[in-house]
Protein backbone atom coordinates (compact mmCIF):
# COMPACT_ATOMS: atom_id res chain seq x y z
CA UNK A 1 2.50 -21.40 -22.36
CA UNK A 2 3.73 -19.03 -19.66
CA UNK A 3 1.15 -16.24 -19.27
CA UNK A 4 3.33 -14.10 -16.96
CA UNK A 5 4.13 -11.00 -19.04
CA UNK A 6 6.00 -8.98 -16.35
CA UNK A 7 7.93 -10.46 -13.44
CA UNK A 8 9.88 -8.42 -10.88
CA UNK A 9 12.03 -9.83 -8.08
CA UNK A 10 13.42 -7.61 -5.30
CA UNK A 11 13.56 -4.47 -7.47
CA UNK A 12 15.22 -1.48 -5.82
CA UNK A 13 16.17 1.95 -7.11
CA UNK A 14 18.49 4.02 -4.93
CA UNK A 15 19.49 7.66 -5.38
CA UNK A 16 22.15 9.59 -3.49
CA UNK A 17 20.83 12.68 -1.71
CA UNK A 18 23.28 15.45 -0.81
CA UNK A 19 22.75 18.42 1.47
CA UNK A 20 25.34 20.52 -0.39
CA UNK A 21 26.82 20.47 -3.90
CA UNK A 22 30.28 20.31 -2.32
CA UNK A 23 29.37 16.97 -0.73
CA UNK A 24 28.57 15.59 -4.18
CA UNK A 25 32.04 16.63 -5.37
CA UNK A 26 33.72 15.08 -2.32
CA UNK A 27 31.80 11.85 -2.87
CA UNK A 28 33.05 11.64 -6.46
CA UNK A 29 36.75 12.16 -5.69
CA UNK A 30 37.35 10.82 -2.16
CA UNK A 31 40.24 8.34 -2.37
CA UNK A 32 38.78 6.05 0.31
CA UNK A 33 35.29 6.03 -1.25
CA UNK A 34 33.79 7.70 1.79
CA UNK A 35 30.14 8.57 1.25
CA UNK A 36 28.94 12.12 1.95
CA UNK A 37 25.37 11.51 0.81
CA UNK A 38 22.36 9.60 2.06
CA UNK A 39 20.66 6.74 0.25
CA UNK A 40 17.10 7.46 -0.89
CA UNK A 41 15.09 4.40 -1.92
CA UNK A 42 12.65 5.34 -4.67
CA UNK A 43 11.84 1.61 -4.78
CA UNK A 44 12.76 -0.96 -2.13
CA UNK A 45 12.66 -4.75 -2.71
CA UNK A 46 9.55 -4.78 -4.90
CA UNK A 47 8.40 -8.19 -6.21
CA UNK A 48 5.33 -9.06 -8.26
CA UNK A 49 3.97 -10.90 -11.30
CA UNK A 50 1.55 -9.49 -13.88
CA UNK A 51 -0.19 -11.92 -16.20
CA UNK A 52 -1.03 -11.40 -19.84
CA UNK A 53 -4.33 -9.53 -20.25
CA UNK A 54 -4.42 -8.20 -16.68
CA UNK A 55 -5.39 -4.58 -16.13
CA UNK A 56 -3.49 -3.14 -13.17
CA UNK A 57 -3.91 0.20 -11.43
CA UNK A 58 -1.22 1.94 -9.38
CA UNK A 59 -2.27 4.31 -6.60
CA UNK A 60 -0.25 6.28 -4.10
CA UNK A 61 0.83 9.79 -3.23
CA UNK A 62 3.20 11.82 -5.39
CA UNK A 63 6.74 10.61 -4.78
CA UNK A 64 5.61 7.17 -3.60
CA UNK A 65 7.53 5.40 -6.40
CA UNK A 66 4.85 4.77 -9.05
CA UNK A 67 6.61 6.57 -11.90
CA UNK A 68 9.97 5.08 -10.95
CA UNK A 69 8.51 1.59 -11.22
CA UNK A 70 6.97 2.34 -14.61
CA UNK A 71 10.22 3.80 -15.94
CA UNK A 72 12.07 0.66 -14.91
CA UNK A 73 9.45 -1.51 -16.64
CA UNK A 74 9.78 0.53 -19.86
CA UNK A 75 13.59 0.52 -19.70
CA UNK A 76 13.96 4.27 -19.15
CA UNK A 77 15.65 3.57 -15.79
CA UNK A 78 17.91 0.73 -14.70
CA UNK A 79 17.25 -0.79 -11.25
CA UNK A 80 19.98 -0.53 -8.63
CA UNK A 81 19.33 -4.14 -7.67
CA UNK A 82 16.88 -6.92 -8.42
CA UNK A 83 15.68 -8.42 -11.69
CA UNK A 84 12.90 -7.62 -14.14
CA UNK A 85 11.58 -9.77 -16.97
CA UNK A 86 9.21 -8.34 -19.62
CA UNK A 87 7.75 -10.66 -22.26
CA UNK A 88 6.09 -8.40 -24.79
CA UNK A 89 6.06 -5.16 -26.74
CA UNK A 90 5.55 -2.06 -24.55
CA UNK A 91 3.87 1.22 -25.50
CA UNK A 92 3.89 3.92 -22.83
CA UNK A 93 2.59 7.40 -22.05
CA UNK A 94 4.83 8.47 -19.19
CA UNK A 95 5.70 12.06 -20.06
CA UNK A 96 4.02 14.28 -22.64
CA UNK A 97 6.03 14.52 -25.81
CA UNK A 98 8.53 11.86 -24.78
CA UNK A 99 9.79 10.17 -27.96
CA UNK A 100 8.62 13.00 -30.20
CA UNK A 101 11.04 15.08 -32.24
CA UNK A 102 9.83 18.68 -31.71
CA UNK A 103 11.05 19.78 -35.15
CA UNK A 104 9.11 17.06 -36.99
CA UNK A 105 5.41 17.21 -37.84
CA UNK A 106 2.80 15.04 -36.18
CA UNK A 107 2.64 12.74 -39.23
CA UNK A 108 6.43 12.36 -39.30
CA UNK A 109 6.47 11.54 -35.59
CA UNK A 110 3.78 8.90 -36.11
CA UNK A 111 5.96 7.11 -38.66
CA UNK A 112 9.09 7.52 -36.53
CA UNK A 113 7.41 6.02 -33.46
CA UNK A 114 6.05 3.18 -35.56
CA UNK A 115 9.54 2.37 -36.83
CA UNK A 116 10.85 2.41 -33.24
CA UNK A 117 8.14 -0.11 -32.34
CA UNK A 118 9.33 -2.40 -35.15
CA UNK A 119 6.75 -1.60 -37.85
CA UNK A 120 7.63 -1.01 -41.50
CA UNK A 121 6.48 2.12 -43.31
CA UNK A 122 3.99 0.02 -45.27
CA UNK A 123 2.49 -1.28 -42.01
CA UNK A 124 2.22 2.26 -40.65
CA UNK A 125 0.53 3.35 -43.89
CA UNK A 126 -2.32 1.01 -42.89
CA UNK A 127 -2.57 2.52 -39.41
CA UNK A 128 -2.03 6.23 -39.95
CA UNK A 129 -5.60 7.14 -40.92
CA UNK A 130 -6.94 5.59 -37.70
CA UNK A 131 -4.26 7.34 -35.64
CA UNK A 132 -4.94 10.76 -37.19
CA UNK A 133 -8.71 10.32 -36.84
CA UNK A 134 -8.44 9.34 -33.17
CA UNK A 135 -6.03 12.16 -32.30
CA UNK A 136 -8.41 14.66 -33.93
CA UNK A 137 -6.07 17.68 -33.88
CA UNK A 138 -7.01 18.95 -37.33
CA UNK A 139 -4.41 20.66 -39.51
CA UNK A 140 -1.91 20.67 -36.63
CA UNK A 141 -1.08 17.07 -37.60
CA UNK A 142 1.05 18.60 -40.39
CA UNK A 143 2.75 21.12 -38.07
CA UNK A 144 5.94 20.64 -35.97
CA UNK A 145 4.97 19.21 -32.60
CA UNK A 146 6.88 22.01 -30.83
CA UNK A 147 3.81 24.14 -31.66
CA UNK A 148 1.43 21.71 -29.91
CA UNK A 149 -0.43 22.40 -26.69
CA UNK A 150 -0.21 19.84 -23.88
CA UNK A 151 -3.65 18.56 -24.90
CA UNK A 152 -2.50 17.99 -28.49
CA UNK A 153 0.57 16.14 -27.19
CA UNK A 154 -1.70 13.88 -25.16
CA UNK A 155 -4.03 13.21 -28.08
CA UNK A 156 -1.26 12.33 -30.51
CA UNK A 157 0.75 10.31 -27.99
CA UNK A 158 -2.22 8.20 -26.92
CA UNK A 159 -3.37 7.65 -30.51
CA UNK A 160 0.08 6.46 -31.61
CA UNK A 161 0.54 4.11 -28.67
CA UNK A 162 -3.00 2.69 -28.81
CA UNK A 163 -2.89 1.82 -32.51
CA UNK A 164 0.54 0.18 -32.71
CA UNK A 165 -0.96 -2.95 -31.13
CA UNK A 166 1.28 -3.30 -28.05
CA UNK A 167 1.24 -6.26 -25.67
CA UNK A 168 1.54 -3.84 -22.73
CA UNK A 169 0.18 -0.29 -22.54
CA UNK A 170 1.36 1.95 -19.70
CA UNK A 171 -0.48 5.21 -18.97
CA UNK A 172 0.78 7.55 -16.24
CA UNK A 173 -1.53 10.57 -15.70
CA UNK A 174 -0.92 11.69 -19.30
CA UNK A 175 -4.65 11.85 -20.06
CA UNK A 176 -5.38 14.37 -17.30
CA UNK A 177 -4.43 17.27 -19.62
CA UNK A 178 -6.94 16.26 -22.29
CA UNK A 179 -10.53 17.46 -22.49
CA UNK A 180 -13.39 15.44 -21.06
CA UNK A 181 -14.54 13.95 -24.35
CA UNK A 182 -11.03 12.83 -25.27
CA UNK A 183 -10.63 11.18 -21.86
CA UNK A 184 -13.86 9.27 -22.50
CA UNK A 185 -12.56 8.16 -25.91
CA UNK A 186 -9.32 6.96 -24.32
CA UNK A 187 -11.19 5.00 -21.65
CA UNK A 188 -13.32 3.31 -24.31
CA UNK A 189 -10.23 2.50 -26.36
CA UNK A 190 -8.38 1.05 -23.36
CA UNK A 191 -11.39 -1.12 -22.53
CA UNK A 192 -11.44 -2.47 -26.08
CA UNK A 193 -7.69 -3.15 -25.82
CA UNK A 194 -8.26 -5.04 -22.57
CA UNK A 195 -10.96 -7.10 -24.32
CA UNK A 196 -8.34 -7.83 -27.00
CA UNK A 197 -5.89 -9.20 -24.42
CA UNK A 198 -3.60 -6.18 -23.97
CA UNK A 199 -2.07 -5.79 -20.51
CA UNK A 200 -2.69 -2.26 -19.20
CA UNK A 201 -0.92 -0.56 -16.30
CA UNK A 202 -2.78 2.61 -15.37
CA UNK A 203 -1.70 5.35 -12.96
CA UNK A 204 -4.18 8.04 -11.98
CA UNK A 205 -5.25 10.14 -9.00
CA UNK A 206 -8.83 9.57 -10.18
CA UNK A 207 -9.81 6.63 -7.98
CA UNK A 208 -13.08 6.07 -9.85
CA UNK A 209 -11.17 5.78 -13.12
CA UNK A 210 -8.83 3.17 -11.65
CA UNK A 211 -11.72 1.23 -10.15
CA UNK A 212 -13.67 1.29 -13.40
CA UNK A 213 -10.79 0.26 -15.65
CA UNK A 214 -8.73 -2.09 -13.47
CA UNK A 215 -9.48 -5.35 -11.69
CA UNK A 216 -6.24 -5.39 -9.69
CA UNK A 217 -4.30 -2.58 -8.05
CA UNK A 218 -1.07 -1.87 -6.18
CA UNK A 219 -0.95 0.71 -3.39
CA UNK A 220 2.62 2.02 -3.34
CA UNK A 221 3.97 3.91 -0.36
CA UNK A 222 7.59 4.99 0.27
CA UNK A 223 8.86 2.78 -2.54
CA UNK A 224 7.06 -0.37 -1.35
CA UNK A 225 3.91 -2.19 -2.46
CA UNK A 226 1.93 -2.13 0.77
CA UNK A 227 -1.24 -3.64 -0.74
CA UNK A 228 -1.82 -5.85 -3.79
CA UNK A 229 -5.46 -6.89 -4.15
CA UNK A 230 -8.72 -6.35 -6.00
CA UNK A 231 -8.84 -2.75 -7.28
CA UNK A 232 -12.00 -1.94 -5.31
CA UNK A 233 -10.44 -3.11 -2.03
CA UNK A 234 -7.19 -1.21 -2.63
CA UNK A 235 -8.96 2.01 -3.59
CA UNK A 236 -11.26 1.90 -0.59
CA UNK A 237 -8.30 1.43 1.78
CA UNK A 238 -6.31 4.18 0.04
CA UNK A 239 -9.29 6.56 0.01
CA UNK A 240 -9.84 6.11 3.75
CA UNK A 241 -6.16 6.83 4.35
CA UNK A 242 -6.32 10.04 2.29
CA UNK A 243 -9.52 11.23 4.00
CA UNK A 244 -8.07 10.59 7.45
CA UNK A 245 -4.89 12.46 6.54
CA UNK A 246 -6.85 15.37 5.07
CA UNK A 247 -8.99 15.59 8.18
CA UNK A 248 -5.92 15.63 10.43
CA UNK A 249 -4.20 18.33 8.37
CA UNK A 250 -7.19 20.61 7.82
CA UNK A 251 -9.49 19.86 10.71
CA UNK A 252 -12.06 18.64 8.20
CA UNK A 253 -11.94 21.78 6.04
CA UNK A 254 -11.60 21.63 2.27
CA UNK A 255 -10.60 25.11 1.15
CA UNK A 256 -10.05 24.07 -2.48
CA UNK A 257 -13.71 23.21 -2.97
CA UNK A 258 -14.74 26.42 -1.22
CA UNK A 259 -12.63 28.45 -3.64
CA UNK A 260 -14.11 26.73 -6.70
CA UNK A 261 -17.67 27.37 -5.56
CA UNK A 262 -16.83 30.96 -4.59
CA UNK A 263 -15.21 31.62 -7.96
CA UNK A 264 -18.15 30.37 -10.00
CA UNK A 265 -20.85 32.01 -7.82
CA UNK A 266 -23.55 29.90 -9.39
CA UNK A 267 -27.17 29.93 -8.27
CA UNK A 268 -30.22 28.09 -9.48
CA UNK A 269 -31.92 30.75 -11.59
CA UNK A 270 -35.59 31.45 -12.33
CA UNK A 271 -37.31 34.15 -14.32
CA UNK A 272 -38.64 37.18 -12.48
CA UNK A 273 -42.25 36.01 -12.87
CA UNK A 274 -41.40 32.63 -11.38
CA UNK A 275 -42.07 30.78 -14.64
CA UNK A 276 -39.66 28.93 -16.87
CA UNK A 277 -38.71 31.12 -19.81
CA UNK A 278 -37.31 28.98 -22.62
CA UNK A 279 -37.95 30.66 -25.96
CA UNK A 280 -37.87 28.21 -28.85
CA UNK A 281 -36.45 30.07 -31.86
CA UNK A 282 -34.46 28.84 -34.84
CA UNK A 283 -31.51 30.93 -33.69
CA UNK A 284 -31.54 29.57 -30.14
CA UNK A 285 -31.83 25.96 -31.33
CA UNK A 286 -28.60 26.35 -33.32
CA UNK A 287 -26.52 27.67 -30.40
CA UNK A 288 -23.47 25.43 -29.78
CA UNK A 289 -24.56 23.20 -32.69
CA UNK A 290 -21.05 22.96 -34.15
CA UNK A 291 -19.65 21.87 -30.79
CA UNK A 292 -22.40 19.26 -30.43
CA UNK A 293 -21.78 17.84 -33.91
CA UNK A 294 -18.04 17.58 -33.29
CA UNK A 295 -18.47 15.83 -29.94
CA UNK A 296 -21.30 13.62 -31.20
CA UNK A 297 -19.23 12.20 -34.07
CA UNK A 298 -17.40 9.79 -31.75
CA UNK A 299 -18.94 6.27 -31.82
CA UNK A 300 -22.28 7.66 -32.97
CA UNK A 301 -24.83 5.18 -34.33
CA UNK A 302 -27.51 6.35 -36.81
CA UNK A 303 -30.07 4.42 -38.81
CA UNK A 304 -31.05 7.51 -40.80
CA UNK A 305 -34.77 7.59 -39.91
CA UNK A 306 -34.40 10.34 -37.27
CA UNK A 307 -31.48 12.21 -35.76
CA UNK A 308 -30.43 14.73 -33.15
CA UNK A 309 -29.80 18.14 -34.69
CA UNK A 310 -28.55 19.54 -31.36
CA UNK A 311 -28.47 18.86 -27.61
CA UNK A 312 -28.16 21.71 -25.10
CA UNK A 313 -27.99 22.09 -21.31
CA UNK A 314 -29.87 25.20 -20.12
CA UNK A 315 -30.67 26.95 -16.88
CA UNK A 316 -34.25 28.04 -16.18
CA UNK A 317 -33.65 31.35 -17.94
CA UNK A 318 -32.90 29.51 -21.16
CA UNK A 319 -29.13 30.20 -21.07
CA UNK A 320 -26.68 27.52 -22.19
CA UNK A 321 -24.53 26.35 -19.26
CA UNK A 322 -21.69 23.92 -18.65
CA UNK A 323 -21.27 24.48 -14.88
CA UNK A 324 -24.08 23.38 -12.58
CA UNK A 325 -24.38 24.14 -8.88
CA UNK A 326 -25.38 21.17 -6.74
CA UNK A 327 -29.18 21.25 -6.40
CA UNK A 328 -29.70 23.47 -9.46
CA UNK A 329 -32.68 22.81 -11.74
CA UNK A 330 -31.69 22.49 -15.40
CA UNK A 331 -33.23 21.76 -18.79
CA UNK A 332 -31.76 19.14 -21.12
CA UNK A 333 -33.00 20.20 -24.56
CA UNK A 334 -33.02 17.81 -27.50
CA UNK A 335 -33.61 19.04 -31.06
CA UNK A 336 -34.83 16.07 -33.13
CA UNK A 337 -35.36 15.94 -36.91
CA UNK A 338 -37.48 13.31 -38.65
CA UNK A 339 -36.15 11.87 -41.91
CA UNK A 340 -38.99 9.39 -42.34
CA UNK A 341 -42.63 8.98 -41.29
CA UNK A 342 -42.61 7.35 -37.84
CA UNK A 343 -45.66 6.25 -35.82
CA UNK A 344 -43.91 6.48 -32.44
CA UNK A 345 -40.49 7.78 -31.40
CA UNK A 346 -38.97 7.33 -27.94
CA UNK A 347 -36.34 9.60 -26.35
CA UNK A 348 -33.89 8.98 -23.52
CA UNK A 349 -30.65 10.07 -21.89
CA UNK A 350 -27.83 8.69 -19.75
CA UNK A 351 -25.61 10.67 -17.37
CA UNK A 352 -22.16 9.06 -17.36
CA UNK A 353 -18.90 9.75 -15.61
CA UNK A 354 -15.77 10.28 -17.71
CA UNK A 355 -15.06 6.53 -17.60
CA UNK A 356 -18.32 5.76 -19.37
CA UNK A 357 -20.14 4.35 -16.33
CA UNK A 358 -23.91 4.96 -16.49
CA UNK A 359 -24.96 6.74 -13.30
CA UNK A 360 -28.44 7.97 -14.26
CA UNK A 361 -30.83 6.78 -16.97
CA UNK A 362 -34.25 8.02 -18.01
CA UNK A 363 -36.46 7.77 -21.09
CA UNK A 364 -39.88 8.85 -22.23
CA UNK A 365 -41.44 5.50 -21.31
CA UNK A 366 -41.17 6.59 -17.67
CA UNK A 367 -42.90 9.94 -18.28
CA UNK A 368 -46.45 11.12 -18.94
CA UNK A 369 -45.57 11.90 -22.58
CA UNK A 370 -44.27 8.51 -23.65
CA UNK A 371 -43.42 9.20 -27.29
CA UNK A 372 -43.64 11.52 -30.29
CA UNK A 373 -46.62 10.10 -32.20
CA UNK A 374 -47.43 10.11 -35.93
CA UNK A 375 -44.37 12.18 -36.88
CA UNK A 376 -43.80 13.06 -40.51
CA UNK A 377 -40.56 13.29 -42.49
CA UNK A 378 -39.04 16.77 -42.32
CA UNK A 379 -40.65 17.71 -39.00
CA UNK A 380 -38.50 19.05 -36.16
CA UNK A 381 -39.35 18.47 -32.50
CA UNK A 382 -37.91 20.12 -29.38
CA UNK A 383 -37.90 17.90 -26.30
CA UNK A 384 -37.17 19.53 -22.92
CA UNK A 385 -36.33 17.48 -19.84
CA UNK A 386 -36.41 19.37 -16.52
CA UNK A 387 -34.68 17.93 -13.49
CA UNK A 388 -32.54 18.84 -10.51
CA UNK A 389 -28.82 17.93 -10.46
CA UNK A 390 -27.85 16.42 -7.11
CA UNK A 391 -24.53 14.74 -7.83
CA UNK A 392 -21.03 14.89 -6.40
CA UNK A 393 -18.58 17.48 -7.69
CA UNK A 394 -17.27 15.96 -10.90
CA UNK A 395 -17.27 16.13 -14.71
CA UNK A 396 -20.05 14.21 -16.47
CA UNK A 397 -21.28 13.41 -19.99
CA UNK A 398 -24.79 13.15 -21.38
CA UNK A 399 -25.43 10.29 -23.79
CA UNK A 400 -28.68 10.68 -25.75
CA UNK A 401 -30.79 8.25 -27.74
CA UNK A 402 -33.93 8.26 -29.90
CA UNK A 403 -35.52 4.98 -30.93
CA UNK A 404 -38.59 3.37 -32.50
CA UNK A 405 -40.54 0.80 -30.44
CA UNK A 406 -40.93 -2.45 -32.33
CA UNK A 407 -43.69 -3.61 -29.97
CA UNK A 408 -46.82 -1.83 -28.83
CA UNK A 409 -45.61 -2.22 -25.25
CA UNK A 410 -42.51 -0.11 -26.11
CA UNK A 411 -40.39 -2.79 -24.46
CA UNK A 412 -38.03 -3.39 -27.42
CA UNK A 413 -36.92 -0.12 -29.02
CA UNK A 414 -34.88 0.07 -32.23
CA UNK A 415 -32.29 2.89 -32.07
CA UNK A 416 -32.43 5.65 -34.70
CA UNK A 417 -29.65 7.82 -33.27
CA UNK A 418 -27.37 7.12 -30.31
CA UNK A 419 -24.88 9.80 -29.28
CA UNK A 420 -22.47 8.58 -26.53
CA UNK A 421 -20.98 12.06 -25.92
CA UNK A 422 -23.67 14.65 -26.58
CA UNK A 423 -22.41 17.23 -24.10
CA UNK A 424 -20.30 17.57 -20.97
CA UNK A 425 -21.01 19.46 -17.74
CA UNK A 426 -19.39 20.03 -14.36
CA UNK A 427 -21.14 19.92 -11.00
CA UNK A 428 -19.86 22.31 -8.33
CA UNK A 429 -20.84 21.88 -4.69
CA UNK A 430 -19.89 24.11 -1.74
CA UNK A 431 -20.89 21.34 0.67
CA UNK A 432 -17.67 19.73 1.93
CA UNK A 433 -19.37 16.59 3.17
CA UNK A 434 -21.14 15.89 -0.15
CA UNK A 435 -17.83 16.15 -2.00
CA UNK A 436 -16.09 13.68 0.30
CA UNK A 437 -18.95 11.22 0.79
CA UNK A 438 -19.14 8.06 -1.29
CA UNK A 439 -21.33 7.65 -4.36
CA UNK A 440 -22.05 9.89 -7.32
CA UNK A 441 -25.78 10.53 -7.07
CA UNK A 442 -27.70 11.88 -4.08
CA UNK A 443 -31.45 12.36 -3.74
CA UNK A 444 -33.83 14.09 -1.36
CA UNK A 445 -35.16 12.11 1.58
CA UNK A 446 -38.10 12.80 3.89
CA UNK A 447 -36.83 11.54 7.23
CA UNK A 448 -38.44 11.05 10.63
CA UNK A 449 -36.95 9.87 13.93
CA UNK A 450 -39.17 8.41 16.61
CA UNK A 451 -38.00 7.47 20.08
CA UNK A 452 -39.53 4.13 20.94
CA UNK A 453 -40.83 3.71 24.49
CA UNK A 454 -41.56 0.28 25.81
CA UNK A 455 -44.93 -0.35 27.37
CA UNK A 456 -44.45 -0.38 31.12
CA UNK A 457 -46.64 -3.53 31.37
CA UNK A 458 -44.30 -5.52 29.13
């Protein structure tokens, strides 16, 4: 069986560029077919093969030819020359709202897109609940899509295309308009589709997202594939090129990051007496609880014996925050309710990037207070973790877990409640070097330099 699902040979797409509108008119009517325009190659002699189940990332500057290539693959554009063979059903997110009738409701557009993909209404009846649940746009699903925000478009479009079981899924920056939790959901869904054998072509300016999702990548420049290799190798080469170009253009300055830090004007805060002031009241523990419960519903696992009532991120004055300055001390507060008598209960958290990669992990086994002991049903506990955030400027998620150790050594815990997306926060750093350096997590170092002098007798 041939496992090549997409094969391109010498693909080119040429557009005529005119300096004046009059030249376009002359070009159309000149009796000797004289050309008054210049040829612009959006793609030039591109050849490649993509095998079934491969996950491919496309990187390159705006205007490099990435979207043109994807539109040719999906049949939106016809190549000027060359051949393309596609052996499978394609679902694509190229432009928000593309394929949606603005006068029809979200539900009606779901059925219409399903019919266009070759599914009967009865088959779509079996899929629609999953699509609506994943899109999670509430009552707007019954409203005309012309009333949707760009984020709602992205949610509905991704949900429809992910659940119609395509052979090939193409995503071109469409997820960038969604919120952080929805992006995480989409990444998880695409990973499960990859595990199921779906071929994914992913375009994003987020190099970490491409590296995390894709094993292979194309670097496209001026309509040509200038590098086709392992995604990590391609991204590293492309990143170095971008950093060198940025340094040449700005002299090493990064005014955009300066403006973000200046706008937020965040500082690591402490109470006037120098002590942490975190009042524990019933009212404070319920702040942002509805938001937590909505975010936590995605892929949550619960055994029922204990559960998170709320998770909050606080500064040292006890105020809920979502923006953190690099180096700021924060409190991760967990509100835990017992639904059963439990001899020992462990707590832990992960800090993940938007692609679901665990960057930081900690749990109570590593602390002085290793567990909640001899807890009774109905009791509520507040667990505060204090730490300093020293991470690159980015959006992150907290995943939180509580579990029961099944051994006295605490080595094999049994999860009671696992929340993959408890809350989201953004790190802001005014330090240009930290934002451009590699890696997500930084930590403090005590450093000494000693000049070694050889013994003169040696």
